[in-house]
PDB file of all heavy atoms in Angstrom:
ATOM      1  N   ARG A   1      87.181  93.628 110.942  1.00  0.00           N
ATOM      2  CA  ARG A   1      87.285  92.282 110.375  1.00  0.00           C
ATOM      3  C   ARG A   1      87.244  91.207 111.450  1.00  0.00           C
ATOM      4  O   ARG A   1      86.713  90.132 111.209  1.00  0.00           O
ATOM      5  CB  ARG A   1      88.548  92.153 109.623  1.00  0.00           C
ATOM      6  CG  ARG A   1      88.605  92.823 108.253  1.00  0.00           C
ATOM      7  CD  ARG A   1      89.907  92.623 107.563  1.00  0.00           C
ATOM      8  NE  ARG A   1      90.125  93.394 106.339  1.00  0.00           N
ATOM      9  CZ  ARG A   1      89.611  93.064 105.181  1.00  0.00           C
ATOM     10  NH1 ARG A   1      88.924  91.959 104.992  1.00  0.00           N
ATOM     11  NH2 ARG A   1      89.845  93.834 104.096  1.00  0.00           N
ATOM     12  N   HIS A   2      87.824  91.480 112.617  1.00  0.00           N
ATOM     13  CA  HIS A   2      87.966  90.467 113.592  1.00  0.00           C
ATOM     14  C   HIS A   2      86.836  90.381 114.684  1.00  0.00           C
ATOM     15  O   HIS A   2      86.885  89.685 115.639  1.00  0.00           O
ATOM     16  CB  HIS A   2      89.304  90.584 114.392  1.00  0.00           C
ATOM     17  CG  HIS A   2      90.457  90.248 113.481  1.00  0.00           C
ATOM     18  ND1 HIS A   2      91.187  91.163 112.705  1.00  0.00           N
ATOM     19  CD2 HIS A   2      91.069  89.075 113.227  1.00  0.00           C
ATOM     20  CE1 HIS A   2      92.142  90.562 112.066  1.00  0.00           C
ATOM     21  NE2 HIS A   2      92.050  89.283 112.316  1.00  0.00           N
ATOM     22  N   LEU A   3      85.786  91.200 114.344  1.00  0.00           N
ATOM     23  CA  LEU A   3      84.634  91.034 115.251  1.00  0.00           C
ATOM     24  C   LEU A   3      84.041  89.675 115.019  1.00  0.00           C
ATOM     25  O   LEU A   3      84.012  89.188 113.921  1.00  0.00           O
ATOM     26  CB  LEU A   3      83.573  92.104 114.890  1.00  0.00           C
ATOM     27  CG  LEU A   3      83.943  93.556 115.348  1.00  0.00           C
ATOM     28  CD1 LEU A   3      82.887  94.558 114.813  1.00  0.00           C
ATOM     29  CD2 LEU A   3      84.051  93.680 116.868  1.00  0.00           C
ATOM     30  N   PRO A   4      83.491  89.015 116.108  1.00  0.00           N
ATOM     31  CA  PRO A   4      83.055  87.608 115.943  1.00  0.00           C
ATOM     32  C   PRO A   4      82.002  87.332 114.817  1.00  0.00           C
ATOM     33  O   PRO A   4      82.058  86.367 114.114  1.00  0.00           O
ATOM     34  CB  PRO A   4      82.368  87.341 117.345  1.00  0.00           C
ATOM     35  CG  PRO A   4      83.109  88.309 118.230  1.00  0.00           C
ATOM     36  CD  PRO A   4      83.345  89.522 117.435  1.00  0.00           C
ATOM     37  N   PHE A   5      81.135  88.314 114.611  1.00  0.00           N
ATOM     38  CA  PHE A   5      80.067  88.072 113.640  1.00  0.00           C
ATOM     39  C   PHE A   5      80.491  88.491 112.208  1.00  0.00           C
ATOM     40  O   PHE A   5      79.736  88.376 111.271  1.00  0.00           O
ATOM     41  CB  PHE A   5      78.808  88.911 113.989  1.00  0.00           C
ATOM     42  CG  PHE A   5      79.022  90.344 114.208  1.00  0.00           C
ATOM     43  CD1 PHE A   5      78.987  91.233 113.120  1.00  0.00           C
ATOM     44  CD2 PHE A   5      79.311  90.876 115.467  1.00  0.00           C
ATOM     45  CE1 PHE A   5      79.140  92.619 113.312  1.00  0.00           C
ATOM     46  CE2 PHE A   5      79.535  92.246 115.581  1.00  0.00           C
ATOM     47  CZ  PHE A   5      79.422  93.107 114.606  1.00  0.00           C
ATOM     48  N   MET A   6      81.705  88.935 112.021  1.00  0.00           N
ATOM     49  CA  MET A   6      82.158  89.346 110.665  1.00  0.00           C
ATOM     50  C   MET A   6      82.855  88.199 109.951  1.00  0.00           C
ATOM     51  O   MET A   6      82.971  88.253 108.674  1.00  0.00           O
ATOM     52  CB  MET A   6      83.137  90.547 110.769  1.00  0.00           C
ATOM     53  CG  MET A   6      82.416  91.803 111.144  1.00  0.00           C
ATOM     54  SD  MET A   6      81.256  92.310 109.890  1.00  0.00           S
ATOM     55  CE  MET A   6      80.580  93.822 110.534  1.00  0.00           C
ATOM     56  N   GLY A   7      83.406  87.275 110.540  1.00  0.00           N
ATOM     57  CA  GLY A   7      84.011  86.150 109.895  1.00  0.00           C
ATOM     58  C   GLY A   7      85.182  86.530 109.089  1.00  0.00           C
ATOM     59  O   GLY A   7      85.566  85.823 108.119  1.00  0.00           O
ATOM     60  N   GLY A   8      85.869  87.577 109.485  1.00  0.00           N
ATOM     61  CA  GLY A   8      87.185  87.992 108.840  1.00  0.00           C
ATOM     62  C   GLY A   8      86.893  88.786 107.558  1.00  0.00           C
ATOM     63  O   GLY A   8      87.863  89.140 106.905  1.00  0.00           O
ATOM     64  N   GLU A   9      85.681  89.087 107.153  1.00  0.00           N
ATOM     65  CA  GLU A   9      85.406  89.784 105.923  1.00  0.00           C
ATOM     66  C   GLU A   9      84.556  91.064 106.225  1.00  0.00           C
ATOM     67  O   GLU A   9      83.817  91.086 107.168  1.00  0.00           O
ATOM     68  CB  GLU A   9      84.615  88.911 104.909  1.00  0.00           C
ATOM     69  CG  GLU A   9      85.378  87.663 104.448  1.00  0.00           C
ATOM     70  CD  GLU A   9      86.623  88.021 103.631  1.00  0.00           C
ATOM     71  OE1 GLU A   9      86.555  89.094 102.988  1.00  0.00           O
ATOM     72  OE2 GLU A   9      87.579  87.256 103.660  1.00  0.00           O
ATOM     73  N   LEU A  10      84.724  92.075 105.341  1.00  0.00           N
ATOM     74  CA  LEU A  10      83.931  93.257 105.433  1.00  0.00           C
ATOM     75  C   LEU A  10      82.791  93.099 104.467  1.00  0.00           C
ATOM     76  O   LEU A  10      82.929  92.765 103.327  1.00  0.00           O
ATOM     77  CB  LEU A  10      84.709  94.504 105.029  1.00  0.00           C
ATOM     78  CG  LEU A  10      85.766  94.981 106.015  1.00  0.00           C
ATOM     79  CD1 LEU A  10      86.461  96.193 105.466  1.00  0.00           C
ATOM     80  CD2 LEU A  10      85.182  95.309 107.327  1.00  0.00           C
ATOM     81  N   PRO A  11      81.506  93.382 104.950  1.00  0.00           N
ATOM     82  CA  PRO A  11      80.397  93.347 104.088  1.00  0.00           C
ATOM     83  C   PRO A  11      80.527  94.360 102.956  1.00  0.00           C
ATOM     84  O   PRO A  11      81.229  95.368 103.042  1.00  0.00           O
ATOM     85  CB  PRO A  11      79.162  93.663 104.981  1.00  0.00           C
ATOM     86  CG  PRO A  11      79.671  93.429 106.335  1.00  0.00           C
ATOM     87  CD  PRO A  11      81.137  93.698 106.379  1.00  0.00           C
ATOM     88  N   ALA A  12      79.871  94.097 101.838  1.00  0.00           N
ATOM     89  CA  ALA A  12      79.926  95.029 100.659  1.00  0.00           C
ATOM     90  C   ALA A  12      79.491  96.479 101.001  1.00  0.00           C
ATOM     91  O   ALA A  12      80.104  97.402 100.645  1.00  0.00           O
ATOM     92  CB  ALA A  12      79.093  94.549  99.513  1.00  0.00           C
ATOM     93  N   GLU A  13      78.450  96.530 101.893  1.00  0.00           N
ATOM     94  CA  GLU A  13      78.026  97.793 102.307  1.00  0.00           C
ATOM     95  C   GLU A  13      79.045  98.698 103.033  1.00  0.00           C
ATOM     96  O   GLU A  13      79.235  99.833 102.855  1.00  0.00           O
ATOM     97  CB  GLU A  13      76.765  97.743 103.228  1.00  0.00           C
ATOM     98  CG  GLU A  13      75.564  97.187 102.485  1.00  0.00           C
ATOM     99  CD  GLU A  13      75.584  95.666 102.323  1.00  0.00           C
ATOM    100  OE1 GLU A  13      76.513  95.013 102.925  1.00  0.00           O
ATOM    101  OE2 GLU A  13      74.661  95.138 101.726  1.00  0.00           O
ATOM    102  N   LEU A  14      79.843  97.942 103.969  1.00  0.00           N
ATOM    103  CA  LEU A  14      80.819  98.612 104.686  1.00  0.00           C
ATOM    104  C   LEU A  14      82.095  98.980 103.788  1.00  0.00           C
ATOM    105  O   LEU A  14      82.662 100.021 104.003  1.00  0.00           O
ATOM    106  CB  LEU A  14      81.359  97.730 105.899  1.00  0.00           C
ATOM    107  CG  LEU A  14      80.436  97.725 107.127  1.00  0.00           C
ATOM    108  CD1 LEU A  14      81.056  96.836 108.148  1.00  0.00           C
ATOM    109  CD2 LEU A  14      80.258  99.099 107.678  1.00  0.00           C
ATOM    110  N   ASN A  15      82.311  98.131 102.851  1.00  0.00           N
ATOM    111  CA  ASN A  15      83.381  98.469 101.930  1.00  0.00           C
ATOM    112  C   ASN A  15      83.102  99.716 101.113  1.00  0.00           C
ATOM    113  O   ASN A  15      83.951 100.654 100.906  1.00  0.00           O
ATOM    114  CB  ASN A  15      83.652  97.269 100.908  1.00  0.00           C
ATOM    115  CG  ASN A  15      84.787  96.415 101.330  1.00  0.00           C
ATOM    116  OD1 ASN A  15      85.800  96.907 101.781  1.00  0.00           O
ATOM    117  ND2 ASN A  15      84.631  95.146 101.172  1.00  0.00           N
ATOM    118  N   ARG A  16      81.803  99.811 100.688  1.00  0.00           N
ATOM    119  CA  ARG A  16      81.386 101.077  99.977  1.00  0.00           C
ATOM    120  C   ARG A  16      81.376 102.292 100.876  1.00  0.00           C
ATOM    121  O   ARG A  16      81.865 103.314 100.493  1.00  0.00           O
ATOM    122  CB  ARG A  16      80.020 100.834  99.388  1.00  0.00           C
ATOM    123  CG  ARG A  16      79.982  99.937  98.161  1.00  0.00           C
ATOM    124  CD  ARG A  16      78.617 100.087  97.383  1.00  0.00           C
ATOM    125  NE  ARG A  16      77.549  99.525  98.235  1.00  0.00           N
ATOM    126  CZ  ARG A  16      77.118  98.181  98.165  1.00  0.00           C
ATOM    127  NH1 ARG A  16      77.783  97.368  97.422  1.00  0.00           N
ATOM    128  NH2 ARG A  16      76.150  97.849  98.903  1.00  0.00           N
ATOM    129  N   LEU A  17      80.952 102.053 102.145  1.00  0.00           N
ATOM    130  CA  LEU A  17      81.005 103.179 103.079  1.00  0.00           C
ATOM    131  C   LEU A  17      82.420 103.647 103.408  1.00  0.00           C
ATOM    132  O   LEU A  17      82.758 104.836 103.376  1.00  0.00           O
ATOM    133  CB  LEU A  17      80.335 102.785 104.407  1.00  0.00           C
ATOM    134  CG  LEU A  17      80.393 103.829 105.544  1.00  0.00           C
ATOM    135  CD1 LEU A  17      79.633 105.126 105.133  1.00  0.00           C
ATOM    136  CD2 LEU A  17      79.743 103.211 106.819  1.00  0.00           C
ATOM    137  N   LYS A  18      83.316 102.574 103.494  1.00  0.00           N
ATOM    138  CA  LYS A  18      84.805 102.948 103.760  1.00  0.00           C
ATOM    139  C   LYS A  18      85.347 103.771 102.618  1.00  0.00           C
ATOM    140  O   LYS A  18      86.014 104.772 102.750  1.00  0.00           O
ATOM    141  CB  LYS A  18      85.509 101.626 103.852  1.00  0.00           C
ATOM    142  CG  LYS A  18      87.033 101.768 103.908  1.00  0.00           C
ATOM    143  CD  LYS A  18      87.677 100.334 103.767  1.00  0.00           C
ATOM    144  CE  LYS A  18      89.016 100.504 103.107  1.00  0.00           C
ATOM    145  NZ  LYS A  18      89.595  99.201 102.731  1.00  0.00           N
ATOM    146  N   GLY A  19      85.016 103.314 101.294  1.00  0.00           N
ATOM    147  CA  GLY A  19      85.502 104.007 100.150  1.00  0.00           C
ATOM    148  C   GLY A  19      84.962 105.467 100.107  1.00  0.00           C
ATOM    149  O   GLY A  19      85.736 106.404  99.861  1.00  0.00           O
ATOM    150  N   SER A  20      83.677 105.635 100.469  1.00  0.00           N
ATOM    151  CA  SER A  20      83.186 107.009 100.487  1.00  0.00           C
ATOM    152  C   SER A  20      83.860 107.843 101.540  1.00  0.00           C
ATOM    153  O   SER A  20      84.167 109.026 101.300  1.00  0.00           O
ATOM    154  CB  SER A  20      81.718 106.935 100.757  1.00  0.00           C
ATOM    155  OG  SER A  20      81.021 106.211  99.717  1.00  0.00           O
ATOM    156  N   MET A  21      84.096 107.276 102.730  1.00  0.00           N
ATOM    157  CA  MET A  21      84.662 108.057 103.813  1.00  0.00           C
ATOM    158  C   MET A  21      86.141 108.426 103.499  1.00  0.00           C
ATOM    159  O   MET A  21      86.583 109.561 103.740  1.00  0.00           O
ATOM    160  CB  MET A  21      84.650 107.281 105.120  1.00  0.00           C
ATOM    161  CG  MET A  21      83.257 107.117 105.616  1.00  0.00           C
ATOM    162  SD  MET A  21      83.181 106.106 107.105  1.00  0.00           S
ATOM    163  CE  MET A  21      83.922 107.220 108.339  1.00  0.00           C
ATOM    164  N   ARG A  22      86.840 107.427 102.825  1.00  0.00           N
ATOM    165  CA  ARG A  22      88.221 107.801 102.380  1.00  0.00           C
ATOM    166  C   ARG A  22      88.261 108.954 101.452  1.00  0.00           C
ATOM    167  O   ARG A  22      89.137 109.895 101.540  1.00  0.00           O
ATOM    168  CB  ARG A  22      88.874 106.587 101.725  1.00  0.00           C
ATOM    169  CG  ARG A  22      89.308 105.477 102.747  1.00  0.00           C
ATOM    170  CD  ARG A  22      89.464 104.136 102.061  1.00  0.00           C
ATOM    171  NE  ARG A  22      90.563 104.131 101.223  1.00  0.00           N
ATOM    172  CZ  ARG A  22      91.778 103.652 101.665  1.00  0.00           C
ATOM    173  NH1 ARG A  22      91.981 103.149 102.898  1.00  0.00           N
ATOM    174  NH2 ARG A  22      92.870 103.641 100.868  1.00  0.00           N
ATOM    175  N   ARG A  23      87.327 108.952 100.472  1.00  0.00           N
ATOM    176  CA  ARG A  23      87.233 110.110  99.500  1.00  0.00           C
ATOM    177  C   ARG A  23      86.990 111.367 100.117  1.00  0.00           C
ATOM    178  O   ARG A  23      87.461 112.399  99.653  1.00  0.00           O
ATOM    179  CB  ARG A  23      86.334 109.718  98.344  1.00  0.00           C
ATOM    180  CG  ARG A  23      86.985 108.727  97.366  1.00  0.00           C
ATOM    181  CD  ARG A  23      86.010 108.543  96.165  1.00  0.00           C
ATOM    182  NE  ARG A  23      84.871 107.719  96.480  1.00  0.00           N
ATOM    183  CZ  ARG A  23      84.903 106.396  96.471  1.00  0.00           C
ATOM    184  NH1 ARG A  23      86.004 105.733  96.208  1.00  0.00           N
ATOM    185  NH2 ARG A  23      83.800 105.686  96.713  1.00  0.00           N
ATOM    186  N   LEU A  24      86.252 111.357 101.229  1.00  0.00           N
ATOM    187  CA  LEU A  24      85.928 112.567 101.890  1.00  0.00           C
ATOM    188  C   LEU A  24      87.137 113.003 102.739  1.00  0.00           C
ATOM    189  O   LEU A  24      87.280 114.225 102.992  1.00  0.00           O
ATOM    190  CB  LEU A  24      84.695 112.373 102.820  1.00  0.00           C
ATOM    191  CG  LEU A  24      83.329 112.312 102.118  1.00  0.00           C
ATOM    192  CD1 LEU A  24      82.298 111.925 103.104  1.00  0.00           C
ATOM    193  CD2 LEU A  24      82.963 113.597 101.439  1.00  0.00           C
ATOM    194  N   ALA A  25      87.958 112.118 103.168  1.00  0.00           N
ATOM    195  CA  ALA A  25      89.035 112.426 104.089  1.00  0.00           C
ATOM    196  C   ALA A  25      90.305 112.927 103.459  1.00  0.00           C
ATOM    197  O   ALA A  25      91.046 113.588 104.028  1.00  0.00           O
ATOM    198  CB  ALA A  25      89.336 111.130 104.933  1.00  0.00           C
ATOM    199  N   VAL A  26      90.480 112.547 102.178  1.00  0.00           N
ATOM    200  CA  VAL A  26      91.632 113.011 101.480  1.00  0.00           C
ATOM    201  C   VAL A  26      91.558 114.313 100.777  1.00  0.00           C
ATOM    202  O   VAL A  26      90.442 114.692 100.421  1.00  0.00           O
ATOM    203  CB  VAL A  26      92.168 111.853 100.541  1.00  0.00           C
ATOM    204  CG1 VAL A  26      92.338 110.539 101.307  1.00  0.00           C
ATOM    205  CG2 VAL A  26      91.198 111.691  99.423  1.00  0.00           C
ATOM    206  N   PRO A  27      92.647 114.962 100.470  1.00  0.00           N
ATOM    207  CA  PRO A  27      92.536 116.188  99.648  1.00  0.00           C
ATOM    208  C   PRO A  27      92.021 115.787  98.198  1.00  0.00           C
ATOM    209  O   PRO A  27      92.025 114.637  97.847  1.00  0.00           O
ATOM    210  CB  PRO A  27      94.043 116.593  99.534  1.00  0.00           C
ATOM    211  CG  PRO A  27      94.709 115.879 100.729  1.00  0.00           C
ATOM    212  CD  PRO A  27      94.048 114.650 100.923  1.00  0.00           C
ATOM    213  N   LYS A  28      91.659 116.853  97.551  1.00  0.00           N
ATOM    214  CA  LYS A  28      91.097 116.591  96.194  1.00  0.00           C
ATOM    215  C   LYS A  28      91.990 115.827  95.294  1.00  0.00           C
ATOM    216  O   LYS A  28      91.589 114.879  94.516  1.00  0.00           O
ATOM    217  CB  LYS A  28      90.742 117.910  95.533  1.00  0.00           C
ATOM    218  CG  LYS A  28      89.573 118.580  96.058  1.00  0.00           C
ATOM    219  CD  LYS A  28      89.225 119.872  95.379  1.00  0.00           C
ATOM    220  CE  LYS A  28      87.966 120.539  95.871  1.00  0.00           C
ATOM    221  NZ  LYS A  28      87.694 121.798  95.190  1.00  0.00           N
ATOM    222  N   VAL A  29      93.339 116.073  95.379  1.00  0.00           N
ATOM    223  CA  VAL A  29      94.233 115.311  94.526  1.00  0.00           C
ATOM    224  C   VAL A  29      94.241 113.865  94.922  1.00  0.00           C
ATOM    225  O   VAL A  29      94.326 112.981  93.930  1.00  0.00           O
ATOM    226  CB  VAL A  29      95.638 115.918  94.642  1.00  0.00           C
ATOM    227  CG1 VAL A  29      96.267 115.746  95.999  1.00  0.00           C
ATOM    228  CG2 VAL A  29      96.609 115.262  93.572  1.00  0.00           C
ATOM    229  N   GLY A  30      94.074 113.510  96.168  1.00  0.00           N
ATOM    230  CA  GLY A  30      93.984 112.142  96.586  1.00  0.00           C
ATOM    231  C   GLY A  30      92.794 111.469  95.986  1.00  0.00           C
ATOM    232  O   GLY A  30      92.804 110.312  95.577  1.00  0.00           O
ATOM    233  N   ALA A  31      91.642 112.150  96.038  1.00  0.00           N
ATOM    234  CA  ALA A  31      90.467 111.634  95.476  1.00  0.00           C
ATOM    235  C   ALA A  31      90.546 111.295  94.015  1.00  0.00           C
ATOM    236  O   ALA A  31      90.035 110.303  93.530  1.00  0.00           O
ATOM    237  CB  ALA A  31      89.282 112.617  95.702  1.00  0.00           C
ATOM    238  N   VAL A  32      91.298 112.134  93.297  1.00  0.00           N
ATOM    239  CA  VAL A  32      91.513 111.837  91.885  1.00  0.00           C
ATOM    240  C   VAL A  32      92.218 110.532  91.685  1.00  0.00           C
ATOM    241  O   VAL A  32      91.790 109.640  90.860  1.00  0.00           O
ATOM    242  CB  VAL A  32      92.313 112.995  91.205  1.00  0.00           C
ATOM    243  CG1 VAL A  32      92.799 112.668  89.787  1.00  0.00           C
ATOM    244  CG2 VAL A  32      91.542 114.280  91.161  1.00  0.00           C
ATOM    245  N   PHE A  33      93.356 110.342  92.445  1.00  0.00           N
ATOM    246  CA  PHE A  33      94.089 109.087  92.230  1.00  0.00           C
ATOM    247  C   PHE A  33      93.317 107.922  92.831  1.00  0.00           C
ATOM    248  O   PHE A  33      93.402 106.759  92.317  1.00  0.00           O
ATOM    249  CB  PHE A  33      95.422 109.194  93.009  1.00  0.00           C
ATOM    250  CG  PHE A  33      96.404 110.143  92.272  1.00  0.00           C
ATOM    251  CD1 PHE A  33      96.827 111.374  92.782  1.00  0.00           C
ATOM    252  CD2 PHE A  33      96.899 109.777  91.087  1.00  0.00           C
ATOM    253  CE1 PHE A  33      97.602 112.220  92.143  1.00  0.00           C
ATOM    254  CE2 PHE A  33      97.757 110.686  90.371  1.00  0.00           C
ATOM    255  CZ  PHE A  33      98.138 111.839  90.848  1.00  0.00           C
ATOM    256  N   GLU A  34      92.534 108.146  93.837  1.00  0.00           N
ATOM    257  CA  GLU A  34      91.705 107.011  94.443  1.00  0.00           C
ATOM    258  C   GLU A  34      90.747 106.565  93.345  1.00  0.00           C
ATOM    259  O   GLU A  34      90.442 105.393  93.198  1.00  0.00           O
ATOM    260  CB  GLU A  34      91.003 107.480  95.647  1.00  0.00           C
ATOM    261  CG  GLU A  34      91.950 107.639  96.889  1.00  0.00           C
ATOM    262  CD  GLU A  34      91.962 106.378  97.683  1.00  0.00           C
ATOM    263  OE1 GLU A  34      90.885 105.891  98.085  1.00  0.00           O
ATOM    264  OE2 GLU A  34      93.021 105.882  97.906  1.00  0.00           O
ATOM    265  N   GLU A  35      90.048 107.482  92.645  1.00  0.00           N
ATOM    266  CA  GLU A  35      89.111 107.170  91.651  1.00  0.00           C
ATOM    267  C   GLU A  35      89.767 106.383  90.461  1.00  0.00           C
ATOM    268  O   GLU A  35      89.141 105.592  89.753  1.00  0.00           O
ATOM    269  CB  GLU A  35      88.434 108.385  91.096  1.00  0.00           C
ATOM    270  CG  GLU A  35      87.477 109.020  92.101  1.00  0.00           C
ATOM    271  CD  GLU A  35      86.217 108.244  92.463  1.00  0.00           C
ATOM    272  OE1 GLU A  35      86.061 107.233  91.734  1.00  0.00           O
ATOM    273  OE2 GLU A  35      85.515 108.492  93.425  1.00  0.00           O
ATOM    274  N   LEU A  36      91.070 106.650  90.271  1.00  0.00           N
ATOM    275  CA  LEU A  36      91.800 105.964  89.212  1.00  0.00           C
ATOM    276  C   LEU A  36      92.400 104.585  89.655  1.00  0.00           C
ATOM    277  O   LEU A  36      93.047 104.020  88.920  1.00  0.00           O
ATOM    278  CB  LEU A  36      92.991 106.829  88.737  1.00  0.00           C
ATOM    279  CG  LEU A  36      92.572 108.125  87.907  1.00  0.00           C
ATOM    280  CD1 LEU A  36      93.727 109.031  87.715  1.00  0.00           C
ATOM    281  CD2 LEU A  36      91.956 107.766  86.620  1.00  0.00           C
ATOM    282  N   GLY A  37      92.077 104.181  90.887  1.00  0.00           N
ATOM    283  CA  GLY A  37      92.403 102.846  91.288  1.00  0.00           C
ATOM    284  C   GLY A  37      93.641 102.758  92.173  1.00  0.00           C
ATOM    285  O   GLY A  37      94.089 101.662  92.525  1.00  0.00           O
TER     286      GLY A  37
END
């Protein structure tokens, strides 16, 4: 977020990538709750 060219925000593409990586990183039960919000 604090990189000079980011302006304090994450681009939508990085947000989606972040979400995908999180779902890969957590156990299956975590993915279930993540998908539920």
